[in-house]
């Protein structure tokens, strides 16, 4: 008589045995710890992701590092630990001579196990709570200016100069990211590249100005500033000192013709005419300091092209840029002062003793020497100034000490030898004293194609500003509302532009 086939019990079913062994092999303390880490990191990822998505309009690129790099890294770490514990336990179980792997078991009828489970649940809850609080706090830290500038030492020059500029109360992300999903994603990608270059130590020294991937000014600057507003003229006073033994003061009082206006209710004129009208240009260098081609489109649609004589080509359409705020205001938040300007500022404020003979030139020379480190620079500055005025130190030691301290402060605020960063690496296009600035186009060499008409030349000073008074003493008190002709101190060479002589190191 044939016995009927027997159905294997659930315990003897190979498939169930595999599932039971899988659960058994995962029941070890290493895998449990890895599971807790994975759970906490997944929880942090979800929280950061939601914060990131719902604040995409005002977030910055660095939150992406936490959301998409740090949190997933801990998630994979936890999963790797769980797998590691599983493999160890499985290997020990299958080994004929291997010791049994460390394994936990929970028996709810056992009071000790119930207590342990309760403590474990409490610890897990506290862990997840602190994960949530830590993730939320980390999110806000990454939004802070200190995180962008102070945490990453690479950005120290930008952070220090930012603190002393007009936009010191504007958060980094407001200008470097702005609102909207497109630029938010771009900032995430840029932040990832920056992180890789930082980790691999392949970043540039100095950090280059992101000229070609900055967001258009209409999306950032013009959210606060309104270029079409008619500003008219504003008065500015510039206090200079000669590089002579007497540190002779020379002051300029200017009325700067900012102008502006949309042309509907007020005339579009002055410096801001360049923004209220359509001006395009082609720059042949990376820093946009050489501009051989300019196109101006009038209100009626008529376009006039101005070129220098030695530029015979026609620029490609994609290389033509429409002028906006940052083409002149290219250092709105990270301005490195020139040694000459910084020393003159300290002289005027009384931080540097103007009674010390030729202190302006001595201070500028001390600042512009080559130093390997900041410590070397501070020691060198103090040594040079003390050596120059060794005979006068005994007469007024406090004044000399204060002068050395002021010059040292200038160095710390504007020179960063570790990053090879100073004023000479970052041309500033507002004005035309130390860099070409306005003269990139208004140099007298740009002529209208087929007409011969020139752009307003550099020699026509009153186009952009009117000199109300100049000099010192009684001469400076003579205001001329109609303006006076600029009287250059000394004997200037005819035909030279300002920046041909002035380079930030001399008067």
Protein backbone atom coordinates (compact mmCIF):
# COMPACT_ATOMS: atom_id res chain seq x y z
CA UNK A 1 0.00 0.00 0.00
CA UNK A 2 1.46 3.30 -1.03
CA UNK A 3 1.57 6.01 1.57
CA UNK A 4 0.17 9.35 0.42
CA UNK A 5 2.75 12.08 -0.11
CA UNK A 6 3.32 14.18 2.93
CA UNK A 7 3.32 17.96 2.88
CA UNK A 8 6.37 19.41 4.60
CA UNK A 9 5.60 21.36 7.73
CA UNK A 10 6.20 25.13 7.63
CA UNK A 11 9.30 24.65 9.74
CA UNK A 12 10.75 22.14 7.25
CA UNK A 13 9.91 24.18 4.17
CA UNK A 14 13.27 25.30 2.62
CA UNK A 15 11.87 28.67 1.65
CA UNK A 16 10.64 29.32 5.19
CA UNK A 17 13.93 28.08 6.57
CA UNK A 18 15.75 30.65 4.44
CA UNK A 19 13.47 33.41 5.72
CA UNK A 20 13.86 32.25 9.30
CA UNK A 21 17.64 32.11 8.99
CA UNK A 22 17.65 35.58 7.44
CA UNK A 23 15.69 37.00 10.36
CA UNK A 24 17.88 35.06 12.77
CA UNK A 25 21.11 36.30 11.23
CA UNK A 26 19.90 39.88 11.43
CA UNK A 27 19.18 39.48 15.14
CA UNK A 28 22.55 40.70 16.41
CA UNK A 29 23.68 43.86 18.12
CA UNK A 30 25.81 45.11 15.22
CA UNK A 31 22.90 44.90 12.77
CA UNK A 32 20.58 46.46 15.34
CA UNK A 33 22.94 49.42 15.80
CA UNK A 34 23.23 49.82 12.04
CA UNK A 35 19.43 49.76 11.75
CA UNK A 36 19.06 52.51 14.32
CA UNK A 37 21.62 54.69 12.49
CA UNK A 38 19.90 54.03 9.15
CA UNK A 39 16.49 54.85 10.62
CA UNK A 40 17.74 58.09 12.17
CA UNK A 41 19.51 59.23 9.00
CA UNK A 42 16.48 58.38 6.85
CA UNK A 43 14.34 60.42 9.24
CA UNK A 44 16.81 63.32 9.00
CA UNK A 45 16.84 63.05 5.20
CA UNK A 46 13.05 63.26 4.99
CA UNK A 47 12.98 66.27 7.32
CA UNK A 48 15.77 68.10 5.48
CA UNK A 49 14.22 67.25 2.13
CA UNK A 50 10.88 68.74 3.16
CA UNK A 51 12.58 71.86 4.54
CA UNK A 52 14.59 72.13 1.34
CA UNK A 53 11.57 71.76 -0.96
CA UNK A 54 9.24 74.13 0.87
CA UNK A 55 11.88 76.87 1.19
CA UNK A 56 13.41 76.50 -2.26
CA UNK A 57 12.67 80.11 -3.00
CA UNK A 58 15.05 81.41 -0.34
CA UNK A 59 17.34 78.51 0.51
CA UNK A 60 21.03 78.28 -0.27
CA UNK A 61 23.23 75.72 -1.92
CA UNK A 62 24.77 74.37 1.28
CA UNK A 63 21.60 72.73 2.59
CA UNK A 64 22.00 70.32 -0.30
CA UNK A 65 25.21 69.06 1.28
CA UNK A 66 23.28 68.01 4.38
CA UNK A 67 20.23 66.73 2.52
CA UNK A 68 21.82 64.85 -0.32
CA UNK A 69 25.33 64.01 0.89
CA UNK A 70 25.60 63.86 4.71
CA UNK A 71 22.22 62.25 5.50
CA UNK A 72 22.48 59.61 2.73
CA UNK A 73 26.06 58.87 3.80
CA UNK A 74 24.87 57.97 7.32
CA UNK A 75 21.99 55.99 5.83
CA UNK A 76 24.39 53.86 3.81
CA UNK A 77 26.69 53.57 6.83
CA UNK A 78 23.82 52.16 8.90
CA UNK A 79 22.85 49.71 6.15
CA UNK A 80 26.47 48.64 5.79
CA UNK A 81 26.69 47.95 9.54
CA UNK A 82 23.49 45.91 9.39
CA UNK A 83 24.89 43.87 6.51
CA UNK A 84 28.22 43.47 8.29
CA UNK A 85 26.51 42.08 11.40
CA UNK A 86 24.41 39.76 9.23
CA UNK A 87 27.46 38.33 7.47
CA UNK A 88 29.36 37.77 10.72
CA UNK A 89 26.41 36.00 12.35
CA UNK A 90 25.70 33.92 9.22
CA UNK A 91 29.34 32.85 8.89
CA UNK A 92 29.54 31.84 12.57
CA UNK A 93 26.29 29.90 12.34
CA UNK A 94 27.40 27.94 9.29
CA UNK A 95 30.87 27.23 10.61
CA UNK A 96 31.17 23.80 12.19
CA UNK A 97 33.70 25.04 14.71
CA UNK A 98 32.84 28.71 14.77
CA UNK A 99 31.66 30.36 17.92
CA UNK A 100 28.09 31.48 18.03
CA UNK A 101 27.67 35.08 17.00
CA UNK A 102 26.47 37.60 19.53
CA UNK A 103 22.68 37.52 19.29
CA UNK A 104 19.88 39.19 21.12
CA UNK A 105 16.51 37.76 21.99
CA UNK A 106 13.45 39.40 23.49
CA UNK A 107 10.99 37.53 25.67
CA UNK A 108 8.14 39.82 26.66
CA UNK A 109 7.17 37.48 29.48
CA UNK A 110 10.55 38.19 31.05
CA UNK A 111 10.47 41.39 33.19
CA UNK A 112 14.15 42.09 32.42
CA UNK A 113 13.54 41.96 28.67
CA UNK A 114 10.52 44.21 29.03
CA UNK A 115 12.62 46.77 30.90
CA UNK A 116 15.37 46.57 28.30
CA UNK A 117 12.85 47.03 25.49
CA UNK A 118 11.35 50.02 27.27
CA UNK A 119 14.75 51.66 27.70
CA UNK A 120 15.62 50.89 24.09
CA UNK A 121 12.37 52.46 22.89
CA UNK A 122 12.97 55.54 25.02
CA UNK A 123 16.55 55.87 23.75
CA UNK A 124 15.38 55.48 20.14
CA UNK A 125 12.71 58.17 20.63
CA UNK A 126 15.25 60.56 22.16
CA UNK A 127 17.67 59.76 19.33
CA UNK A 128 15.06 60.57 16.67
CA UNK A 129 14.04 63.73 18.55
CA UNK A 130 17.61 64.98 18.69
CA UNK A 131 18.06 63.99 15.04
CA UNK A 132 15.09 66.17 14.13
CA UNK A 133 16.28 69.10 16.24
CA UNK A 134 19.85 68.73 15.00
CA UNK A 135 18.76 68.55 11.37
CA UNK A 136 16.55 71.61 11.72
CA UNK A 137 19.28 73.57 13.47
CA UNK A 138 21.84 72.46 10.88
CA UNK A 139 19.50 73.69 8.18
CA UNK A 140 19.41 77.17 9.72
CA UNK A 141 23.17 77.17 10.27
CA UNK A 142 23.75 76.50 6.58
CA UNK A 143 21.58 79.52 5.79
CA UNK A 144 23.78 81.78 7.87
CA UNK A 145 26.49 84.07 6.59
CA UNK A 146 28.91 82.60 9.14
CA UNK A 147 28.54 79.14 7.58
CA UNK A 148 29.22 80.45 4.07
CA UNK A 149 32.21 82.52 5.13
CA UNK A 150 33.66 81.32 8.42
CA UNK A 151 33.19 77.53 8.35
CA UNK A 152 34.97 77.22 5.01
CA UNK A 153 38.38 78.88 5.46
CA UNK A 154 38.76 79.08 1.68
CA UNK A 155 36.20 81.90 1.71
CA UNK A 156 37.96 83.90 4.44
CA UNK A 157 38.95 86.80 2.12
CA UNK A 158 35.39 87.13 0.85
CA UNK A 159 33.94 86.86 4.36
CA UNK A 160 36.27 89.49 5.86
CA UNK A 161 35.75 92.00 3.04
CA UNK A 162 31.99 91.34 3.11
CA UNK A 163 31.81 92.43 6.77
CA UNK A 164 33.16 95.88 5.95
CA UNK A 165 31.03 96.58 2.88
CA UNK A 166 27.68 98.18 2.23
CA UNK A 167 25.88 94.84 1.86
CA UNK A 168 27.06 93.40 5.19
CA UNK A 169 23.44 92.86 6.29
CA UNK A 170 22.42 91.02 3.12
CA UNK A 171 22.70 87.23 3.34
CA UNK A 172 25.00 85.51 0.86
CA UNK A 173 22.18 83.45 -0.71
CA UNK A 174 20.17 86.58 -1.51
CA UNK A 175 22.69 87.52 -4.20
CA UNK A 176 24.40 84.23 -5.01
CA UNK A 177 21.19 82.14 -5.27
CA UNK A 178 18.07 84.27 -5.16
CA UNK A 179 14.58 82.88 -5.67
CA UNK A 180 13.21 80.36 -8.14
CA UNK A 181 13.75 76.66 -8.83
CA UNK A 182 16.13 77.01 -11.81
CA UNK A 183 18.85 78.92 -10.01
CA UNK A 184 18.24 76.91 -6.87
CA UNK A 185 19.18 73.72 -8.75
CA UNK A 186 22.16 75.45 -10.34
CA UNK A 187 23.39 76.50 -6.91
CA UNK A 188 23.10 72.90 -5.69
CA UNK A 189 25.27 71.68 -8.57
CA UNK A 190 27.77 74.49 -8.04
CA UNK A 191 27.91 73.73 -4.31
CA UNK A 192 28.67 70.08 -5.02
CA UNK A 193 31.53 71.01 -7.34
CA UNK A 194 32.89 73.41 -4.74
CA UNK A 195 32.74 70.71 -2.07
CA UNK A 196 34.68 68.29 -4.28
CA UNK A 197 37.35 70.88 -5.08
CA UNK A 198 37.65 71.70 -1.36
CA UNK A 199 38.02 68.03 -0.36
CA UNK A 200 40.55 67.35 -3.13
CA UNK A 201 42.39 70.64 -2.48
CA UNK A 202 42.07 71.66 -6.14
CA UNK A 203 40.40 75.04 -5.61
CA UNK A 204 41.89 78.21 -7.12
CA UNK A 205 43.97 80.65 -5.12
CA UNK A 206 42.61 83.30 -5.18
CA UNK A 207 38.98 82.29 -5.61
CA UNK A 208 37.97 83.71 -9.02
CA UNK A 209 35.01 86.05 -9.29
CA UNK A 210 32.11 84.01 -10.74
CA UNK A 211 31.69 86.45 -13.62
CA UNK A 212 30.15 84.02 -16.07
CA UNK A 213 27.70 82.20 -13.81
CA UNK A 214 26.37 85.04 -11.68
CA UNK A 215 22.63 85.46 -11.78
CA UNK A 216 21.46 88.51 -13.79
CA UNK A 217 21.20 91.67 -11.71
CA UNK A 218 17.52 92.07 -12.54
CA UNK A 219 16.84 88.91 -10.49
CA UNK A 220 18.98 89.91 -7.50
CA UNK A 221 20.19 93.53 -7.26
CA UNK A 222 16.99 94.98 -8.68
CA UNK A 223 14.87 93.24 -6.06
CA UNK A 224 16.05 96.02 -3.71
CA UNK A 225 17.45 98.67 -6.08
CA UNK A 226 15.42 100.34 -8.79
CA UNK A 227 17.65 101.61 -11.62
CA UNK A 228 14.76 103.33 -13.43
CA UNK A 229 14.22 105.59 -10.44
CA UNK A 230 15.44 109.10 -11.16
CA UNK A 231 18.19 109.75 -8.63
CA UNK A 232 19.61 112.95 -10.02
CA UNK A 233 23.00 114.06 -8.71
CA UNK A 234 24.67 113.18 -5.43
CA UNK A 235 27.62 114.89 -3.73
CA UNK A 236 30.70 112.94 -2.71
CA UNK A 237 33.89 114.09 -0.96
CA UNK A 238 37.18 112.26 -1.58
CA UNK A 239 40.03 112.97 0.84
CA UNK A 240 43.46 112.27 -0.60
CA UNK A 241 47.02 112.82 0.64
CA UNK A 242 50.15 113.40 -1.35
CA UNK A 243 53.14 111.07 -1.10
CA UNK A 244 55.42 113.85 0.18
CA UNK A 245 57.04 114.50 3.53
CA UNK A 246 54.15 116.68 4.69
CA UNK A 247 51.46 114.19 3.62
CA UNK A 248 49.78 117.18 2.00
CA UNK A 249 45.98 116.82 1.89
CA UNK A 250 44.15 117.17 -1.42
CA UNK A 251 40.34 116.96 -1.35
CA UNK A 252 37.82 116.68 -4.16
CA UNK A 253 34.17 117.61 -3.80
CA UNK A 254 32.21 116.09 -6.68
CA UNK A 255 28.62 116.13 -7.79
CA UNK A 256 28.13 112.72 -9.41
CA UNK A 257 25.47 112.68 -12.11
CA UNK A 258 23.79 109.37 -11.33
CA UNK A 259 20.68 110.33 -13.27
CA UNK A 260 18.43 107.39 -14.08
CA UNK A 261 14.78 107.63 -14.98
CA UNK A 262 12.62 105.54 -17.27
CA UNK A 263 12.18 108.23 -19.90
CA UNK A 264 8.39 108.28 -19.36
CA UNK A 265 8.10 110.85 -16.60
CA UNK A 266 11.73 111.88 -16.16
CA UNK A 267 14.63 112.03 -18.62
CA UNK A 268 16.84 108.95 -18.81
CA UNK A 269 20.28 110.46 -18.39
CA UNK A 270 23.43 110.37 -16.28
CA UNK A 271 25.38 107.28 -15.36
CA UNK A 272 22.25 105.11 -15.02
CA UNK A 273 21.41 105.90 -18.64
CA UNK A 274 23.44 102.76 -19.36
CA UNK A 275 20.83 100.65 -17.53
CA UNK A 276 17.60 102.33 -18.61
CA UNK A 277 18.75 102.00 -22.23
CA UNK A 278 19.97 98.91 -24.02
CA UNK A 279 23.75 98.75 -24.12
CA UNK A 280 25.52 95.58 -25.23
CA UNK A 281 29.21 94.79 -25.35
CA UNK A 282 31.79 92.12 -26.10
CA UNK A 283 34.75 91.58 -23.76
CA UNK A 284 37.80 89.77 -25.09
CA UNK A 285 39.13 88.70 -21.67
CA UNK A 286 37.80 86.61 -18.80
CA UNK A 287 37.59 89.51 -16.33
CA UNK A 288 35.79 91.79 -18.81
CA UNK A 289 38.42 94.48 -18.63
CA UNK A 290 39.05 94.76 -22.38
CA UNK A 291 35.98 95.79 -24.38
CA UNK A 292 36.67 96.35 -28.09
CA UNK A 293 33.01 96.27 -29.29
CA UNK A 294 29.89 98.10 -28.03
CA UNK A 295 26.36 98.29 -29.44
CA UNK A 296 23.86 100.94 -28.33
CA UNK A 297 20.18 100.54 -29.27
CA UNK A 298 18.09 103.72 -29.22
CA UNK A 299 14.44 103.88 -28.15
CA UNK A 300 13.32 103.77 -31.79
CA UNK A 301 15.22 100.51 -32.33
CA UNK A 302 18.16 102.03 -34.18
CA UNK A 303 21.41 100.29 -33.25
CA UNK A 304 24.88 101.87 -33.45
CA UNK A 305 28.04 99.76 -33.15
CA UNK A 306 31.22 101.28 -31.72
CA UNK A 307 34.57 99.51 -32.20
CA UNK A 308 38.25 100.18 -31.60
CA UNK A 309 40.36 100.37 -34.74
CA UNK A 310 42.28 97.15 -34.21
CA UNK A 311 39.18 95.00 -33.69
CA UNK A 312 38.10 93.83 -37.15
CA UNK A 313 35.87 90.90 -36.19
CA UNK A 314 32.19 90.59 -35.33
CA UNK A 315 31.58 88.89 -31.98
CA UNK A 316 29.49 85.74 -31.82
CA UNK A 317 25.95 86.28 -30.57
CA UNK A 318 26.47 84.14 -27.46
CA UNK A 319 29.51 86.20 -26.42
CA UNK A 320 27.59 89.51 -26.43
CA UNK A 321 26.41 90.66 -23.00
CA UNK A 322 23.67 93.15 -22.18
CA UNK A 323 24.97 95.64 -19.66
CA UNK A 324 23.48 95.58 -16.17
CA UNK A 325 24.34 96.73 -12.63
CA UNK A 326 27.27 94.39 -11.98
CA UNK A 327 29.17 95.53 -15.06
CA UNK A 328 30.11 98.64 -13.07
CA UNK A 329 29.23 97.61 -9.50
CA UNK A 330 31.21 94.38 -9.82
CA UNK A 331 32.45 94.38 -6.19
CA UNK A 332 29.24 95.27 -4.35
CA UNK A 333 29.86 93.06 -1.31
CA UNK A 334 33.49 91.93 -1.43
CA UNK A 335 35.59 95.04 -2.00
CA UNK A 336 39.33 94.76 -1.43
CA UNK A 337 40.59 98.27 -0.72
CA UNK A 338 43.75 99.37 -2.45
CA UNK A 339 46.70 100.12 -0.13
CA UNK A 340 46.65 103.77 -1.20
CA UNK A 341 42.92 104.24 -0.53
CA UNK A 342 42.99 102.36 2.78
CA UNK A 343 45.94 104.38 4.11
CA UNK A 344 44.31 107.66 3.04
CA UNK A 345 41.12 106.62 4.81
CA UNK A 346 43.04 105.94 8.02
CA UNK A 347 44.94 109.21 7.71
CA UNK A 348 41.69 111.13 7.41
CA UNK A 349 40.19 109.28 10.38
CA UNK A 350 43.28 110.00 12.51
CA UNK A 351 44.21 106.35 13.00
CA UNK A 352 47.52 107.00 11.24
CA UNK A 353 49.51 109.97 12.52
CA UNK A 354 49.79 112.45 9.63
CA UNK A 355 52.58 114.25 11.51
CA UNK A 356 55.00 111.42 10.76
CA UNK A 357 56.98 112.55 7.68
CA UNK A 358 56.00 110.69 4.50
CA UNK A 359 53.99 108.17 6.53
CA UNK A 360 51.57 107.64 3.67
CA UNK A 361 54.23 106.35 1.30
CA UNK A 362 56.00 104.42 4.07
CA UNK A 363 52.77 102.68 5.05
CA UNK A 364 51.84 101.85 1.45
CA UNK A 365 55.34 100.48 0.78
CA UNK A 366 55.16 98.33 3.92
CA UNK A 367 51.77 96.94 2.90
CA UNK A 368 52.77 96.06 -0.65
CA UNK A 369 55.86 94.00 0.11
CA UNK A 370 55.67 90.26 -0.56
CA UNK A 371 54.99 88.23 2.58
CA UNK A 372 54.59 84.47 2.89
CA UNK A 373 52.17 84.56 5.81
CA UNK A 374 50.09 87.09 7.71
CA UNK A 375 52.39 86.74 10.72
CA UNK A 376 55.39 87.60 8.53
CA UNK A 377 53.49 90.58 7.15
CA UNK A 378 52.57 92.01 10.54
CA UNK A 379 56.14 91.60 11.77
CA UNK A 380 57.50 93.16 8.57
CA UNK A 381 55.12 96.13 8.71
CA UNK A 382 56.02 96.89 12.32
CA UNK A 383 59.73 96.52 11.59
CA UNK A 384 59.72 98.82 8.55
CA UNK A 385 57.75 101.58 10.24
CA UNK A 386 59.80 101.45 13.45
CA UNK A 387 63.04 101.46 11.46
CA UNK A 388 61.91 104.54 9.53
CA UNK A 389 60.90 106.50 12.63
CA UNK A 390 63.32 105.09 15.20
CA UNK A 391 64.48 108.56 16.17
CA UNK A 392 60.92 109.79 16.74
CA UNK A 393 59.66 106.76 18.64
CA UNK A 394 60.92 108.11 21.95
CA UNK A 395 59.11 111.43 21.40
CA UNK A 396 55.66 109.94 20.87
CA UNK A 397 55.68 106.15 21.27
CA UNK A 398 51.91 105.89 21.61
CA UNK A 399 51.32 107.61 18.27
CA UNK A 400 53.79 105.29 16.54
CA UNK A 401 52.22 102.22 18.13
CA UNK A 402 48.76 103.39 17.05
CA UNK A 403 50.01 103.97 13.50
CA UNK A 404 51.53 100.48 13.33
CA UNK A 405 48.30 99.00 14.66
CA UNK A 406 46.25 100.87 12.04
CA UNK A 407 48.47 99.72 9.16
CA UNK A 408 48.35 96.16 10.51
CA UNK A 409 44.55 96.33 10.59
CA UNK A 410 44.55 97.41 6.95
CA UNK A 411 46.62 94.37 6.05
CA UNK A 412 44.39 91.95 7.95
CA UNK A 413 41.26 93.36 6.29
CA UNK A 414 42.52 93.43 2.70
CA UNK A 415 45.48 91.07 2.24
CA UNK A 416 45.29 87.27 2.44
CA UNK A 417 48.60 85.64 1.50
CA UNK A 418 47.35 82.07 2.10
CA UNK A 419 44.78 82.58 -0.66
CA UNK A 420 46.93 84.94 -2.77
CA UNK A 421 44.10 87.48 -2.55
CA UNK A 422 44.33 91.27 -2.50
CA UNK A 423 43.09 94.29 -4.45
CA UNK A 424 45.31 93.59 -7.46
CA UNK A 425 43.53 90.30 -8.21
CA UNK A 426 40.05 91.83 -8.31
CA UNK A 427 39.59 94.81 -10.65
CA UNK A 428 36.86 97.22 -9.57
CA UNK A 429 34.86 98.88 -12.32
CA UNK A 430 33.14 101.68 -10.39
CA UNK A 431 34.99 104.84 -11.39
CA UNK A 432 38.27 104.87 -13.23
CA UNK A 433 41.08 105.75 -10.84
CA UNK A 434 42.89 102.48 -10.13
CA UNK A 435 41.35 100.28 -12.83
CA UNK A 436 40.00 101.03 -16.34
CA UNK A 437 36.37 100.95 -15.18
CA UNK A 438 34.50 103.54 -17.24
CA UNK A 439 37.46 103.86 -19.59
CA UNK A 440 36.92 100.33 -20.87
CA UNK A 441 34.49 101.98 -23.28
CA UNK A 442 34.98 105.72 -22.77
CA UNK A 443 38.66 105.82 -23.70
CA UNK A 444 38.25 107.94 -26.81
CA UNK A 445 39.13 105.02 -29.09
CA UNK A 446 35.67 103.54 -29.73
CA UNK A 447 34.27 104.86 -33.00
CA UNK A 448 30.86 104.33 -34.58
CA UNK A 449 31.12 101.92 -37.50
CA UNK A 450 30.66 103.77 -40.78
CA UNK A 451 30.27 107.15 -39.09
CA UNK A 452 33.46 107.97 -37.23
CA UNK A 453 31.53 109.32 -34.26
CA UNK A 454 33.22 108.51 -30.95
CA UNK A 455 31.78 107.41 -27.66
CA UNK A 456 32.01 110.12 -25.01
CA UNK A 457 35.73 110.33 -24.30
CA UNK A 458 37.49 110.16 -20.97
CA UNK A 459 38.57 113.77 -21.29
CA UNK A 460 34.95 114.92 -20.96
CA UNK A 461 34.94 114.72 -17.13
CA UNK A 462 31.70 116.63 -16.66
CA UNK A 463 29.65 113.99 -18.44
CA UNK A 464 29.48 111.92 -15.28
CA UNK A 465 30.55 114.29 -12.52
CA UNK A 466 30.99 117.97 -11.79
CA UNK A 467 33.90 119.16 -9.64
CA UNK A 468 32.54 121.63 -7.12
CA UNK A 469 35.79 122.30 -5.24
CA UNK A 470 39.30 120.89 -4.99
CA UNK A 471 42.52 121.40 -3.09
CA UNK A 472 42.89 122.27 0.59
CA UNK A 473 42.26 125.12 3.01
CA UNK A 474 40.86 128.31 1.56
CA UNK A 475 40.91 126.91 -1.97
CA UNK A 476 38.61 124.04 -0.96
CA UNK A 477 36.16 126.54 0.57
CA UNK A 478 35.52 128.12 -2.84
CA UNK A 479 32.53 126.19 -4.14
CA UNK A 480 31.66 126.55 -7.81
CA UNK A 481 28.13 125.25 -8.54
CA UNK A 482 28.81 125.41 -12.28
CA UNK A 483 31.89 123.23 -11.80
CA UNK A 484 35.61 123.80 -12.27
CA UNK A 485 38.21 122.08 -14.42
CA UNK A 486 40.11 119.36 -12.63
CA UNK A 487 43.52 120.54 -11.51
CA UNK A 488 45.80 117.55 -11.13
CA UNK A 489 48.43 117.91 -8.37
CA UNK A 490 51.95 118.02 -9.75
CA UNK A 491 52.67 117.78 -13.46
CA UNK A 492 50.51 115.08 -15.09
CA UNK A 493 51.50 113.76 -18.49
CA UNK A 494 49.05 114.78 -21.20
CA UNK A 495 47.09 111.95 -22.84
CA UNK A 496 47.33 109.42 -20.02
CA UNK A 497 44.27 107.92 -18.38
CA UNK A 498 44.00 107.90 -14.58
CA UNK A 499 44.72 104.18 -14.26
CA UNK A 500 47.82 104.49 -16.44
CA UNK A 501 49.58 105.92 -13.39
CA UNK A 502 47.34 105.09 -10.45
CA UNK A 503 47.50 101.39 -9.63
CA UNK A 504 46.44 101.26 -5.98
CA UNK A 505 50.00 101.71 -4.69
CA UNK A 506 50.57 105.37 -5.47
CA UNK A 507 48.67 108.60 -5.16
